[in-house]
């Protein structure tokens, strides 16, 4: 599928007129183009939602991973981790969900420890 749109607004406007499966194909084509980070985040997030809506959890997780890679803040990445755990459970991937949950819990604990250490050193 040919993609001529480059901005998030253009892509959003065009994709809103499509059915789910055509929209998935179009947004996937967009992610293969040279687009800016916010547009890539939009496309990855929308693809994840569409795949989840259609019970295609493995594909939804694939786009969550892309979203996680381009998310600059730890808070955004933690939200993506939480959503990924949810989709792993929905998809029946319980062992992966448990490992991901433990990884997320460890990451959050380390982040909290760093904040406490920073606050202690600041005072």
PDB file of N, CA and C in Angstrom:
ATOM      1  N   UNK A   1       0.841  -1.176   0.000  1.00  0.00           N
ATOM      2  CA  UNK A   1       0.000   0.000   0.000  1.00  0.00           C
ATOM      3  C   UNK A   1       0.887   1.240   0.000  1.00  0.00           C
ATOM      4  N   UNK A   2       0.542   2.177  -0.839  1.00  0.00           N
ATOM      5  CA  UNK A   2       1.326   3.399  -0.961  1.00  0.00           C
ATOM      6  C   UNK A   2       0.880   4.409   0.098  1.00  0.00           C
ATOM      7  N   UNK A   3       1.863   5.006   0.741  1.00  0.00           N
ATOM      8  CA  UNK A   3       1.585   6.002   1.779  1.00  0.00           C
ATOM      9  C   UNK A   3       2.190   7.328   1.340  1.00  0.00           C
ATOM     10  N   UNK A   4       1.325   8.315   1.140  1.00  0.00           N
ATOM     11  CA  UNK A   4       1.783   9.647   0.755  1.00  0.00           C
ATOM     12  C   UNK A   4       1.770  10.615   1.928  1.00  0.00           C
ATOM     13  N   UNK A   5       1.003  10.286   2.941  1.00  0.00           N
ATOM     14  CA  UNK A   5       0.866  11.151   4.107  1.00  0.00           C
ATOM     15  C   UNK A   5       2.124  11.045   4.981  1.00  0.00           C
ATOM     16  N   UNK A   6       2.486  12.162   5.603  1.00  0.00           N
ATOM     17  CA  UNK A   6       3.691  12.179   6.432  1.00  0.00           C
ATOM     18  C   UNK A   6       3.427  12.622   7.868  1.00  0.00           C
ATOM     19  N   UNK A   7       2.388  13.394   8.086  1.00  0.00           N
ATOM     20  CA  UNK A   7       2.138  13.899   9.428  1.00  0.00           C
ATOM     21  C   UNK A   7       1.109  13.030  10.142  1.00  0.00           C
ATOM     22  N   UNK A   8       1.120  13.137  11.450  1.00  0.00           N
ATOM     23  CA  UNK A   8       0.174  12.389  12.272  1.00  0.00           C
ATOM     24  C   UNK A   8      -1.263  12.739  11.898  1.00  0.00           C
ATOM     25  N   UNK A   9      -1.534  14.018  11.709  1.00  0.00           N
ATOM     26  CA  UNK A   9      -2.886  14.469  11.388  1.00  0.00           C
ATOM     27  C   UNK A   9      -3.352  13.917  10.048  1.00  0.00           C
ATOM     28  N   UNK A  10      -2.480  13.935   9.043  1.00  0.00           N
ATOM     29  CA  UNK A  10      -2.829  13.407   7.727  1.00  0.00           C
ATOM     30  C   UNK A  10      -3.119  11.908   7.804  1.00  0.00           C
ATOM     31  N   UNK A  11      -2.265  11.191   8.504  1.00  0.00           N
ATOM     32  CA  UNK A  11      -2.429   9.741   8.643  1.00  0.00           C
ATOM     33  C   UNK A  11      -3.707   9.440   9.422  1.00  0.00           C
ATOM     34  N   UNK A  12      -3.949  10.164  10.484  1.00  0.00           N
ATOM     35  CA  UNK A  12      -5.135   9.956  11.299  1.00  0.00           C
ATOM     36  C   UNK A  12      -6.404  10.206  10.485  1.00  0.00           C
ATOM     37  N   UNK A  13      -6.426  11.292   9.733  1.00  0.00           N
ATOM     38  CA  UNK A  13      -7.596  11.637   8.930  1.00  0.00           C
ATOM     39  C   UNK A  13      -7.883  10.561   7.890  1.00  0.00           C
ATOM     40  N   UNK A  14      -6.847  10.101   7.215  1.00  0.00           N
ATOM     41  CA  UNK A  14      -7.048   9.091   6.179  1.00  0.00           C
ATOM     42  C   UNK A  14      -7.465   7.748   6.793  1.00  0.00           C
ATOM     43  N   UNK A  15      -6.833   7.361   7.878  1.00  0.00           N
ATOM     44  CA  UNK A  15      -7.098   6.038   8.450  1.00  0.00           C
ATOM     45  C   UNK A  15      -8.479   5.934   9.100  1.00  0.00           C
ATOM     46  N   UNK A  16      -9.025   7.050   9.573  1.00  0.00           N
ATOM     47  CA  UNK A  16     -10.327   7.020  10.238  1.00  0.00           C
ATOM     48  C   UNK A  16     -11.468   6.624   9.298  1.00  0.00           C
ATOM     49  N   UNK A  17     -11.243   6.731   8.005  1.00  0.00           N
ATOM     50  CA  UNK A  17     -12.281   6.384   7.030  1.00  0.00           C
ATOM     51  C   UNK A  17     -12.215   4.920   6.606  1.00  0.00           C
ATOM     52  N   UNK A  18     -11.316   4.142   7.191  1.00  0.00           N
ATOM     53  CA  UNK A  18     -11.101   2.755   6.776  1.00  0.00           C
ATOM     54  C   UNK A  18     -11.688   1.783   7.780  1.00  0.00           C
ATOM     55  N   UNK A  19     -11.979   0.569   7.303  1.00  0.00           N
ATOM     56  CA  UNK A  19     -12.374  -0.491   8.236  1.00  0.00           C
ATOM     57  C   UNK A  19     -11.123  -0.982   8.971  1.00  0.00           C
ATOM     58  N   UNK A  20     -11.314  -1.788   9.997  1.00  0.00           N
ATOM     59  CA  UNK A  20     -10.200  -2.191  10.866  1.00  0.00           C
ATOM     60  C   UNK A  20      -9.047  -2.840  10.110  1.00  0.00           C
ATOM     61  N   UNK A  21      -9.336  -3.794   9.247  1.00  0.00           N
ATOM     62  CA  UNK A  21      -8.258  -4.544   8.610  1.00  0.00           C
ATOM     63  C   UNK A  21      -7.516  -3.721   7.563  1.00  0.00           C
ATOM     64  N   UNK A  22      -8.224  -2.881   6.845  1.00  0.00           N
ATOM     65  CA  UNK A  22      -7.566  -1.984   5.907  1.00  0.00           C
ATOM     66  C   UNK A  22      -6.741  -0.956   6.676  1.00  0.00           C
ATOM     67  N   UNK A  23      -7.296  -0.503   7.788  1.00  0.00           N
ATOM     68  CA  UNK A  23      -6.585   0.459   8.632  1.00  0.00           C
ATOM     69  C   UNK A  23      -5.293  -0.143   9.182  1.00  0.00           C
ATOM     70  N   UNK A  24      -5.343  -1.430   9.596  1.00  0.00           N
ATOM     71  CA  UNK A  24      -4.129  -2.097  10.077  1.00  0.00           C
ATOM     72  C   UNK A  24      -3.068  -2.144   8.984  1.00  0.00           C
ATOM     73  N   UNK A  25      -3.486  -2.516   7.794  1.00  0.00           N
ATOM     74  CA  UNK A  25      -2.539  -2.593   6.670  1.00  0.00           C
ATOM     75  C   UNK A  25      -1.933  -1.221   6.384  1.00  0.00           C
ATOM     76  N   UNK A  26      -2.774  -0.198   6.375  1.00  0.00           N
ATOM     77  CA  UNK A  26      -2.312   1.158   6.102  1.00  0.00           C
ATOM     78  C   UNK A  26      -1.342   1.643   7.186  1.00  0.00           C
ATOM     79  N   UNK A  27      -1.700   1.465   8.448  1.00  0.00           N
ATOM     80  CA  UNK A  27      -0.836   1.926   9.538  1.00  0.00           C
ATOM     81  C   UNK A  27       0.485   1.159   9.572  1.00  0.00           C
ATOM     82  N   UNK A  28       0.448  -0.126   9.237  1.00  0.00           N
ATOM     83  CA  UNK A  28       1.693  -0.894   9.148  1.00  0.00           C
ATOM     84  C   UNK A  28       2.579  -0.326   8.046  1.00  0.00           C
ATOM     85  N   UNK A  29       1.987   0.026   6.920  1.00  0.00           N
ATOM     86  CA  UNK A  29       2.757   0.642   5.830  1.00  0.00           C
ATOM     87  C   UNK A  29       3.343   1.974   6.281  1.00  0.00           C
ATOM     88  N   UNK A  30       2.590   2.710   7.073  1.00  0.00           N
ATOM     89  CA  UNK A  30       3.087   3.998   7.586  1.00  0.00           C
ATOM     90  C   UNK A  30       4.311   3.809   8.473  1.00  0.00           C
ATOM     91  N   UNK A  31       4.311   2.754   9.283  1.00  0.00           N
ATOM     92  CA  UNK A  31       5.446   2.539  10.197  1.00  0.00           C
ATOM     93  C   UNK A  31       6.726   2.203   9.438  1.00  0.00           C
ATOM     94  N   UNK A  32       6.587   1.780   8.213  1.00  0.00           N
ATOM     95  CA  UNK A  32       7.766   1.444   7.402  1.00  0.00           C
ATOM     96  C   UNK A  32       8.315   2.657   6.658  1.00  0.00           C
ATOM     97  N   UNK A  33       7.607   3.779   6.760  1.00  0.00           N
ATOM     98  CA  UNK A  33       8.034   5.015   6.120  1.00  0.00           C
ATOM     99  C   UNK A  33       8.929   5.804   7.068  1.00  0.00           C
ATOM    100  N   UNK A  34       9.569   6.807   6.529  1.00  0.00           N
ATOM    101  CA  UNK A  34      10.416   7.688   7.321  1.00  0.00           C
ATOM    102  C   UNK A  34       9.533   8.781   7.932  1.00  0.00           C
ATOM    103  N   UNK A  35       8.962   8.482   9.108  1.00  0.00           N
ATOM    104  CA  UNK A  35       8.069   9.427   9.780  1.00  0.00           C
ATOM    105  C   UNK A  35       8.656   9.820  11.127  1.00  0.00           C
ATOM    106  N   UNK A  36       8.177  10.933  11.669  1.00  0.00           N
ATOM    107  CA  UNK A  36       8.724  11.415  12.942  1.00  0.00           C
ATOM    108  C   UNK A  36       8.257  10.533  14.106  1.00  0.00           C
ATOM    109  N   UNK A  37       8.871  10.733  15.252  1.00  0.00           N
ATOM    110  CA  UNK A  37       8.639   9.888  16.427  1.00  0.00           C
ATOM    111  C   UNK A  37       7.184   9.955  16.901  1.00  0.00           C
ATOM    112  N   UNK A  38       6.595  11.136  16.955  1.00  0.00           N
ATOM    113  CA  UNK A  38       5.213  11.226  17.449  1.00  0.00           C
ATOM    114  C   UNK A  38       4.246  10.510  16.515  1.00  0.00           C
ATOM    115  N   UNK A  39       4.499  10.556  15.230  1.00  0.00           N
ATOM    116  CA  UNK A  39       3.658   9.852  14.261  1.00  0.00           C
ATOM    117  C   UNK A  39       3.862   8.348  14.393  1.00  0.00           C
ATOM    118  N   UNK A  40       5.099   7.937  14.615  1.00  0.00           N
ATOM    119  CA  UNK A  40       5.387   6.515  14.810  1.00  0.00           C
ATOM    120  C   UNK A  40       4.708   6.009  16.082  1.00  0.00           C
ATOM    121  N   UNK A  41       4.741   6.816  17.131  1.00  0.00           N
ATOM    122  CA  UNK A  41       4.065   6.434  18.373  1.00  0.00           C
ATOM    123  C   UNK A  41       2.568   6.294  18.143  1.00  0.00           C
ATOM    124  N   UNK A  42       1.982   7.226  17.409  1.00  0.00           N
ATOM    125  CA  UNK A  42       0.556   7.162  17.108  1.00  0.00           C
ATOM    126  C   UNK A  42       0.223   5.877  16.343  1.00  0.00           C
ATOM    127  N   UNK A  43       0.979   5.608  15.294  1.00  0.00           N
ATOM    128  CA  UNK A  43       0.719   4.423  14.465  1.00  0.00           C
ATOM    129  C   UNK A  43       0.874   3.135  15.285  1.00  0.00           C
ATOM    130  N   UNK A  44       1.928   3.036  16.061  1.00  0.00           N
ATOM    131  CA  UNK A  44       2.158   1.836  16.873  1.00  0.00           C
ATOM    132  C   UNK A  44       1.060   1.651  17.909  1.00  0.00           C
ATOM    133  N   UNK A  45       0.654   2.729  18.551  1.00  0.00           N
ATOM    134  CA  UNK A  45      -0.398   2.666  19.554  1.00  0.00           C
ATOM    135  C   UNK A  45      -1.733   2.246  18.922  1.00  0.00           C
ATOM    136  N   UNK A  46      -2.070   2.850  17.792  1.00  0.00           N
ATOM    137  CA  UNK A  46      -3.319   2.504  17.107  1.00  0.00           C
ATOM    138  C   UNK A  46      -3.304   1.052  16.623  1.00  0.00           C
ATOM    139  N   UNK A  47      -2.170   0.612  16.105  1.00  0.00           N
ATOM    140  CA  UNK A  47      -2.069  -0.781  15.658  1.00  0.00           C
ATOM    141  C   UNK A  47      -2.264  -1.741  16.826  1.00  0.00           C
ATOM    142  N   UNK A  48      -1.662  -1.419  17.941  1.00  0.00           N
ATOM    143  CA  UNK A  48      -1.823  -2.269  19.122  1.00  0.00           C
ATOM    144  C   UNK A  48      -3.289  -2.352  19.537  1.00  0.00           C
ATOM    145  N   UNK A  49      -3.978  -1.210  19.551  1.00  0.00           N
ATOM    146  CA  UNK A  49      -5.396  -1.191  19.914  1.00  0.00           C
ATOM    147  C   UNK A  49      -6.245  -1.984  18.922  1.00  0.00           C
ATOM    148  N   UNK A  50      -5.957  -1.818  17.632  1.00  0.00           N
ATOM    149  CA  UNK A  50      -6.731  -2.526  16.612  1.00  0.00           C
ATOM    150  C   UNK A  50      -6.540  -4.038  16.710  1.00  0.00           C
ATOM    151  N   UNK A  51      -5.299  -4.457  16.890  1.00  0.00           N
ATOM    152  CA  UNK A  51      -5.036  -5.889  17.002  1.00  0.00           C
ATOM    153  C   UNK A  51      -5.668  -6.459  18.274  1.00  0.00           C
ATOM    154  N   UNK A  52      -5.617  -5.711  19.358  1.00  0.00           N
ATOM    155  CA  UNK A  52      -6.257  -6.179  20.589  1.00  0.00           C
ATOM    156  C   UNK A  52      -7.768  -6.311  20.377  1.00  0.00           C
ATOM    157  N   UNK A  53      -8.357  -5.324  19.750  1.00  0.00           N
ATOM    158  CA  UNK A  53      -9.799  -5.330  19.485  1.00  0.00           C
ATOM    159  C   UNK A  53     -10.212  -6.559  18.683  1.00  0.00           C
ATOM    160  N   UNK A  54      -9.317  -7.011  17.805  1.00  0.00           N
ATOM    161  CA  UNK A  54      -9.613  -8.162  16.949  1.00  0.00           C
ATOM    162  C   UNK A  54      -9.003  -9.459  17.492  1.00  0.00           C
ATOM    163  N   UNK A  55      -8.651  -9.457  18.783  1.00  0.00           N
ATOM    164  CA  UNK A  55      -8.150 -10.636  19.502  1.00  0.00           C
ATOM    165  C   UNK A  55      -6.879 -11.225  18.877  1.00  0.00           C
ATOM    166  N   UNK A  56      -6.040 -10.369  18.336  1.00  0.00           N
ATOM    167  CA  UNK A  56      -4.762 -10.778  17.759  1.00  0.00           C
ATOM    168  C   UNK A  56      -3.668 -10.261  18.697  1.00  0.00           C
ATOM    169  N   UNK A  57      -3.577 -10.917  19.851  1.00  0.00           N
ATOM    170  CA  UNK A  57      -2.755 -10.400  20.946  1.00  0.00           C
ATOM    171  C   UNK A  57      -1.259 -10.405  20.648  1.00  0.00           C
ATOM    172  N   UNK A  58      -0.774 -11.402  19.935  1.00  0.00           N
ATOM    173  CA  UNK A  58       0.661 -11.437  19.612  1.00  0.00           C
ATOM    174  C   UNK A  58       1.062 -10.234  18.767  1.00  0.00           C
ATOM    175  N   UNK A  59       0.224  -9.896  17.799  1.00  0.00           N
ATOM    176  CA  UNK A  59       0.512  -8.727  16.962  1.00  0.00           C
ATOM    177  C   UNK A  59       0.393  -7.431  17.768  1.00  0.00           C
ATOM    178  N   UNK A  60      -0.578  -7.373  18.654  1.00  0.00           N
ATOM    179  CA  UNK A  60      -0.741  -6.187  19.507  1.00  0.00           C
ATOM    180  C   UNK A  60       0.516  -5.982  20.361  1.00  0.00           C
ATOM    181  N   UNK A  61       1.037  -7.072  20.896  1.00  0.00           N
ATOM    182  CA  UNK A  61       2.246  -7.005  21.717  1.00  0.00           C
ATOM    183  C   UNK A  61       3.439  -6.562  20.887  1.00  0.00           C
ATOM    184  N   UNK A  62       3.504  -7.012  19.653  1.00  0.00           N
ATOM    185  CA  UNK A  62       4.596  -6.611  18.746  1.00  0.00           C
ATOM    186  C   UNK A  62       4.651  -5.087  18.619  1.00  0.00           C
ATOM    187  N   UNK A  63       3.499  -4.468  18.463  1.00  0.00           N
ATOM    188  CA  UNK A  63       3.477  -3.012  18.318  1.00  0.00           C
ATOM    189  C   UNK A  63       3.642  -2.289  19.650  1.00  0.00           C
ATOM    190  N   UNK A  64       3.278  -2.934  20.738  1.00  0.00           N
ATOM    191  CA  UNK A  64       3.588  -2.357  22.047  1.00  0.00           C
ATOM    192  C   UNK A  64       5.098  -2.319  22.257  1.00  0.00           C
ATOM    193  N   UNK A  65       5.788  -3.359  21.808  1.00  0.00           N
ATOM    194  CA  UNK A  65       7.246  -3.379  21.926  1.00  0.00           C
ATOM    195  C   UNK A  65       7.875  -2.253  21.118  1.00  0.00           C
ATOM    196  N   UNK A  66       7.341  -1.992  19.934  1.00  0.00           N
ATOM    197  CA  UNK A  66       7.847  -0.862  19.140  1.00  0.00           C
ATOM    198  C   UNK A  66       7.588   0.453  19.855  1.00  0.00           C
ATOM    199  N   UNK A  67       6.405   0.554  20.458  1.00  0.00           N
ATOM    200  CA  UNK A  67       6.056   1.761  21.205  1.00  0.00           C
ATOM    201  C   UNK A  67       6.984   1.949  22.401  1.00  0.00           C
ATOM    202  N   UNK A  68       7.292   0.849  23.061  1.00  0.00           N
ATOM    203  CA  UNK A  68       8.185   0.894  24.217  1.00  0.00           C
ATOM    204  C   UNK A  68       9.585   1.377  23.805  1.00  0.00           C
ATOM    205  N   UNK A  69      10.051   0.946  22.649  1.00  0.00           N
ATOM    206  CA  UNK A  69      11.382   1.330  22.169  1.00  0.00           C
ATOM    207  C   UNK A  69      11.498   2.824  21.900  1.00  0.00           C
ATOM    208  N   UNK A  70      10.418   3.448  21.449  1.00  0.00           N
ATOM    209  CA  UNK A  70      10.504   4.861  21.068  1.00  0.00           C
ATOM    210  C   UNK A  70       9.942   5.808  22.128  1.00  0.00           C
ATOM    211  N   UNK A  71       9.465   5.262  23.228  1.00  0.00           N
ATOM    212  CA  UNK A  71       8.943   6.106  24.317  1.00  0.00           C
ATOM    213  C   UNK A  71      10.109   6.625  25.148  1.00  0.00           C
ATOM    214  N   UNK A  72      10.222   7.944  25.260  1.00  0.00           N
ATOM    215  CA  UNK A  72      11.383   8.501  25.955  1.00  0.00           C
ATOM    216  C   UNK A  72      11.330   8.409  27.477  1.00  0.00           C
ATOM    217  N   UNK A  73      10.147   8.479  28.050  1.00  0.00           N
ATOM    218  CA  UNK A  73      10.093   8.526  29.508  1.00  0.00           C
ATOM    219  C   UNK A  73       9.836   7.142  30.105  1.00  0.00           C
ATOM    220  N   UNK A  74      10.346   6.967  31.299  1.00  0.00           N
ATOM    221  CA  UNK A  74      10.148   5.705  32.019  1.00  0.00           C
ATOM    222  C   UNK A  74       8.676   5.507  32.344  1.00  0.00           C
ATOM    223  N   UNK A  75       7.974   6.596  32.626  1.00  0.00           N
ATOM    224  CA  UNK A  75       6.547   6.508  32.944  1.00  0.00           C
ATOM    225  C   UNK A  75       5.771   5.928  31.758  1.00  0.00           C
ATOM    226  N   UNK A  76       6.059   6.403  30.553  1.00  0.00           N
ATOM    227  CA  UNK A  76       5.392   5.886  29.348  1.00  0.00           C
ATOM    228  C   UNK A  76       5.727   4.413  29.138  1.00  0.00           C
ATOM    229  N   UNK A  77       6.993   4.065  29.306  1.00  0.00           N
ATOM    230  CA  UNK A  77       7.401   2.670  29.123  1.00  0.00           C
ATOM    231  C   UNK A  77       6.731   1.763  30.145  1.00  0.00           C
ATOM    232  N   UNK A  78       6.592   2.231  31.385  1.00  0.00           N
ATOM    233  CA  UNK A  78       5.921   1.431  32.416  1.00  0.00           C
ATOM    234  C   UNK A  78       4.457   1.200  32.067  1.00  0.00           C
ATOM    235  N   UNK A  79       3.797   2.209  31.503  1.00  0.00           N
ATOM    236  CA  UNK A  79       2.408   2.037  31.069  1.00  0.00           C
ATOM    237  C   UNK A  79       2.315   0.992  29.960  1.00  0.00           C
ATOM    238  N   UNK A  80       3.284   1.011  29.059  1.00  0.00           N
ATOM    239  CA  UNK A  80       3.299   0.034  27.968  1.00  0.00           C
ATOM    240  C   UNK A  80       3.553  -1.365  28.534  1.00  0.00           C
ATOM    241  N   UNK A  81       4.468  -1.470  29.507  1.00  0.00           N
ATOM    242  CA  UNK A  81       4.720  -2.765  30.156  1.00  0.00           C
ATOM    243  C   UNK A  81       3.439  -3.322  30.769  1.00  0.00           C
ATOM    244  N   UNK A  82       2.697  -2.461  31.462  1.00  0.00           N
ATOM    245  CA  UNK A  82       1.451  -2.899  32.100  1.00  0.00           C
ATOM    246  C   UNK A  82       0.458  -3.406  31.058  1.00  0.00           C
ATOM    247  N   UNK A  83       0.340  -2.683  29.963  1.00  0.00           N
ATOM    248  CA  UNK A  83      -0.570  -3.102  28.895  1.00  0.00           C
ATOM    249  C   UNK A  83      -0.098  -4.423  28.288  1.00  0.00           C
ATOM    250  N   UNK A  84       1.205  -4.576  28.162  1.00  0.00           N
ATOM    251  CA  UNK A  84       1.750  -5.816  27.610  1.00  0.00           C
ATOM    252  C   UNK A  84       1.432  -7.009  28.503  1.00  0.00           C
ATOM    253  N   UNK A  85       1.544  -6.823  29.813  1.00  0.00           N
ATOM    254  CA  UNK A  85       1.187  -7.893  30.755  1.00  0.00           C
ATOM    255  C   UNK A  85      -0.288  -8.252  30.587  1.00  0.00           C
ATOM    256  N   UNK A  86      -1.131  -7.249  30.474  1.00  0.00           N
ATOM    257  CA  UNK A  86      -2.568  -7.481  30.279  1.00  0.00           C
ATOM    258  C   UNK A  86      -2.830  -8.304  29.011  1.00  0.00           C
ATOM    259  N   UNK A  87      -2.161  -7.940  27.912  1.00  0.00           N
ATOM    260  CA  UNK A  87      -2.370  -8.659  26.656  1.00  0.00           C
ATOM    261  C   UNK A  87      -1.801 -10.075  26.707  1.00  0.00           C
ATOM    262  N   UNK A  88      -0.695 -10.247  27.409  1.00  0.00           N
ATOM    263  CA  UNK A  88      -0.145 -11.597  27.567  1.00  0.00           C
ATOM    264  C   UNK A  88      -1.132 -12.491  28.307  1.00  0.00           C
ATOM    265  N   UNK A  89      -1.777 -11.947  29.309  1.00  0.00           N
ATOM    266  CA  UNK A  89      -2.775 -12.717  30.055  1.00  0.00           C
ATOM    267  C   UNK A  89      -3.979 -13.014  29.167  1.00  0.00           C
ATOM    268  N   UNK A  90      -4.463 -12.011  28.451  1.00  0.00           N
ATOM    269  CA  UNK A  90      -5.596 -12.214  27.550  1.00  0.00           C
ATOM    270  C   UNK A  90      -5.292 -13.274  26.498  1.00  0.00           C
ATOM    271  N   UNK A  91      -4.044 -13.287  26.042  1.00  0.00           N
ATOM    272  CA  UNK A  91      -3.637 -14.243  25.017  1.00  0.00           C
ATOM    273  C   UNK A  91      -3.300 -15.618  25.560  1.00  0.00           C
ATOM    274  N   UNK A  92      -3.306 -15.777  26.880  1.00  0.00           N
ATOM    275  CA  UNK A  92      -3.019 -17.074  27.488  1.00  0.00           C
ATOM    276  C   UNK A  92      -1.537 -17.359  27.642  1.00  0.00           C
ATOM    277  N   UNK A  93      -0.694 -16.348  27.543  1.00  0.00           N
ATOM    278  CA  UNK A  93       0.751 -16.508  27.693  1.00  0.00           C
ATOM    279  C   UNK A  93       1.131 -16.201  29.142  1.00  0.00           C
ATOM    280  N   UNK A  94       0.695 -17.080  30.046  1.00  0.00           N
ATOM    281  CA  UNK A  94       0.802 -16.797  31.475  1.00  0.00           C
ATOM    282  C   UNK A  94       2.238 -16.758  31.982  1.00  0.00           C
ATOM    283  N   UNK A  95       3.100 -17.636  31.501  1.00  0.00           N
ATOM    284  CA  UNK A  95       4.493 -17.633  31.957  1.00  0.00           C
ATOM    285  C   UNK A  95       5.201 -16.362  31.523  1.00  0.00           C
ATOM    286  N   UNK A  96       4.954 -15.934  30.287  1.00  0.00           N
ATOM    287  CA  UNK A  96       5.542 -14.688  29.806  1.00  0.00           C
ATOM    288  C   UNK A  96       4.996 -13.495  30.588  1.00  0.00           C
ATOM    289  N   UNK A  97       3.709 -13.554  30.907  1.00  0.00           N
ATOM    290  CA  UNK A  97       3.088 -12.465  31.674  1.00  0.00           C
ATOM    291  C   UNK A  97       3.723 -12.353  33.058  1.00  0.00           C
ATOM    292  N   UNK A  98       3.947 -13.503  33.690  1.00  0.00           N
ATOM    293  CA  UNK A  98       4.556 -13.489  35.015  1.00  0.00           C
ATOM    294  C   UNK A  98       5.975 -12.933  34.961  1.00  0.00           C
ATOM    295  N   UNK A  99       6.747 -13.339  33.961  1.00  0.00           N
ATOM    296  CA  UNK A  99       8.114 -12.834  33.809  1.00  0.00           C
ATOM    297  C   UNK A  99       8.114 -11.329  33.544  1.00  0.00           C
ATOM    298  N   UNK A 100       7.199 -10.878  32.702  1.00  0.00           N
ATOM    299  CA  UNK A 100       7.101  -9.456  32.386  1.00  0.00           C
ATOM    300  C   UNK A 100       6.676  -8.671  33.623  1.00  0.00           C
ATOM    301  N   UNK A 101       5.730  -9.195  34.380  1.00  0.00           N
ATOM    302  CA  UNK A 101       5.273  -8.543  35.606  1.00  0.00           C
ATOM    303  C   UNK A 101       6.430  -8.410  36.592  1.00  0.00           C
ATOM    304  N   UNK A 102       7.187  -9.479  36.768  1.00  0.00           N
ATOM    305  CA  UNK A 102       8.331  -9.437  37.683  1.00  0.00           C
ATOM    306  C   UNK A 102       9.368  -8.425  37.218  1.00  0.00           C
ATOM    307  N   UNK A 103       9.588  -8.357  35.917  1.00  0.00           N
ATOM    308  CA  UNK A 103      10.531  -7.392  35.354  1.00  0.00           C
ATOM    309  C   UNK A 103      10.039  -5.963  35.599  1.00  0.00           C
ATOM    310  N   UNK A 104       8.750  -5.739  35.395  1.00  0.00           N
ATOM    311  CA  UNK A 104       8.165  -4.421  35.628  1.00  0.00           C
ATOM    312  C   UNK A 104       8.260  -4.040  37.100  1.00  0.00           C
ATOM    313  N   UNK A 105       7.943  -4.975  37.978  1.00  0.00           N
ATOM    314  CA  UNK A 105       7.998  -4.721  39.414  1.00  0.00           C
ATOM    315  C   UNK A 105       9.422  -4.352  39.839  1.00  0.00           C
ATOM    316  N   UNK A 106      10.391  -5.074  39.309  1.00  0.00           N
ATOM    317  CA  UNK A 106      11.802  -4.797  39.620  1.00  0.00           C
ATOM    318  C   UNK A 106      12.182  -3.406  39.113  1.00  0.00           C
ATOM    319  N   UNK A 107      11.761  -3.063  37.914  1.00  0.00           N
ATOM    320  CA  UNK A 107      12.058  -1.759  37.330  1.00  0.00           C
ATOM    321  C   UNK A 107      11.458  -0.635  38.160  1.00  0.00           C
ATOM    322  N   UNK A 108      10.212  -0.809  38.589  1.00  0.00           N
ATOM    323  CA  UNK A 108       9.558   0.207  39.412  1.00  0.00           C
ATOM    324  C   UNK A 108      10.243   0.356  40.768  1.00  0.00           C
ATOM    325  N   UNK A 109      10.670  -0.757  41.348  1.00  0.00           N
ATOM    326  CA  UNK A 109      11.363  -0.715  42.636  1.00  0.00           C
ATOM    327  C   UNK A 109      12.699   0.011  42.505  1.00  0.00           C
ATOM    328  N   UNK A 110      13.427  -0.250  41.416  1.00  0.00           N
ATOM    329  CA  UNK A 110      14.709   0.427  41.194  1.00  0.00           C
ATOM    330  C   UNK A 110      14.502   1.916  40.995  1.00  0.00           C
ATOM    331  N   UNK A 111      13.452   2.285  40.259  1.00  0.00           N
ATOM    332  CA  UNK A 111      13.151   3.694  40.024  1.00  0.00           C
ATOM    333  C   UNK A 111      12.822   4.399  41.337  1.00  0.00           C
ATOM    334  N   UNK A 112      12.035   3.752  42.170  1.00  0.00           N
ATOM    335  CA  UNK A 112      11.675   4.321  43.471  1.00  0.00           C
ATOM    336  C   UNK A 112      12.924   4.483  44.339  1.00  0.00           C
ATOM    337  N   UNK A 113      13.806   3.482  44.319  1.00  0.00           N
ATOM    338  CA  UNK A 113      15.038   3.543  45.100  1.00  0.00           C
ATOM    339  C   UNK A 113      15.911   4.715  44.641  1.00  0.00           C
ATOM    340  N   UNK A 114      16.013   4.930  43.326  1.00  0.00           N
ATOM    341  CA  UNK A 114      16.805   6.043  42.797  1.00  0.00           C
ATOM    342  C   UNK A 114      16.235   7.381  43.249  1.00  0.00           C
ATOM    343  N   UNK A 115      14.912   7.505  43.240  1.00  0.00           N
ATOM    344  CA  UNK A 115      14.282   8.750  43.680  1.00  0.00           C
ATOM    345  C   UNK A 115      14.530   9.008  45.164  1.00  0.00           C
ATOM    346  N   UNK A 116      14.442   7.969  45.948  1.00  0.00           N
ATOM    347  CA  UNK A 116      14.684   8.114  47.388  1.00  0.00           C
ATOM    348  C   UNK A 116      16.129   8.497  47.641  1.00  0.00           C
ATOM    349  N   UNK A 117      17.053   7.852  46.944  1.00  0.00           N
ATOM    350  CA  UNK A 117      18.487   8.164  47.090  1.00  0.00           C
ATOM    351  C   UNK A 117      18.762   9.599  46.661  1.00  0.00           C
ATOM    352  N   UNK A 118      18.141  10.023  45.558  1.00  0.00           N
ATOM    353  CA  UNK A 118      18.319  11.389  45.071  1.00  0.00           C
ATOM    354  C   UNK A 118      17.803  12.397  46.094  1.00  0.00           C
ATOM    355  N   UNK A 119      16.617  12.138  46.623  1.00  0.00           N
ATOM    356  CA  UNK A 119      16.025  13.036  47.616  1.00  0.00           C
ATOM    357  C   UNK A 119      16.896  13.095  48.876  1.00  0.00           C
ATOM    358  N   UNK A 120      17.431  11.952  49.289  1.00  0.00           N
ATOM    359  CA  UNK A 120      18.278  11.905  50.477  1.00  0.00           C
ATOM    360  C   UNK A 120      19.564  12.696  50.247  1.00  0.00           C
ATOM    361  N   UNK A 121      20.177  12.566  49.072  1.00  0.00           N
ATOM    362  CA  UNK A 121      21.409  13.280  48.767  1.00  0.00           C
ATOM    363  C   UNK A 121      21.161  14.768  48.590  1.00  0.00           C
ATOM    364  N   UNK A 122      19.967  15.129  48.161  1.00  0.00           N
ATOM    365  CA  UNK A 122      19.630  16.523  47.924  1.00  0.00           C
ATOM    366  C   UNK A 122      19.460  17.281  49.232  1.00  0.00           C
ATOM    367  N   UNK A 123      18.950  16.597  50.256  1.00  0.00           N
ATOM    368  CA  UNK A 123      18.724  17.264  51.549  1.00  0.00           C
ATOM    369  C   UNK A 123      19.977  17.396  52.280  1.00  0.00           C
TER     370      UNK A 123
END
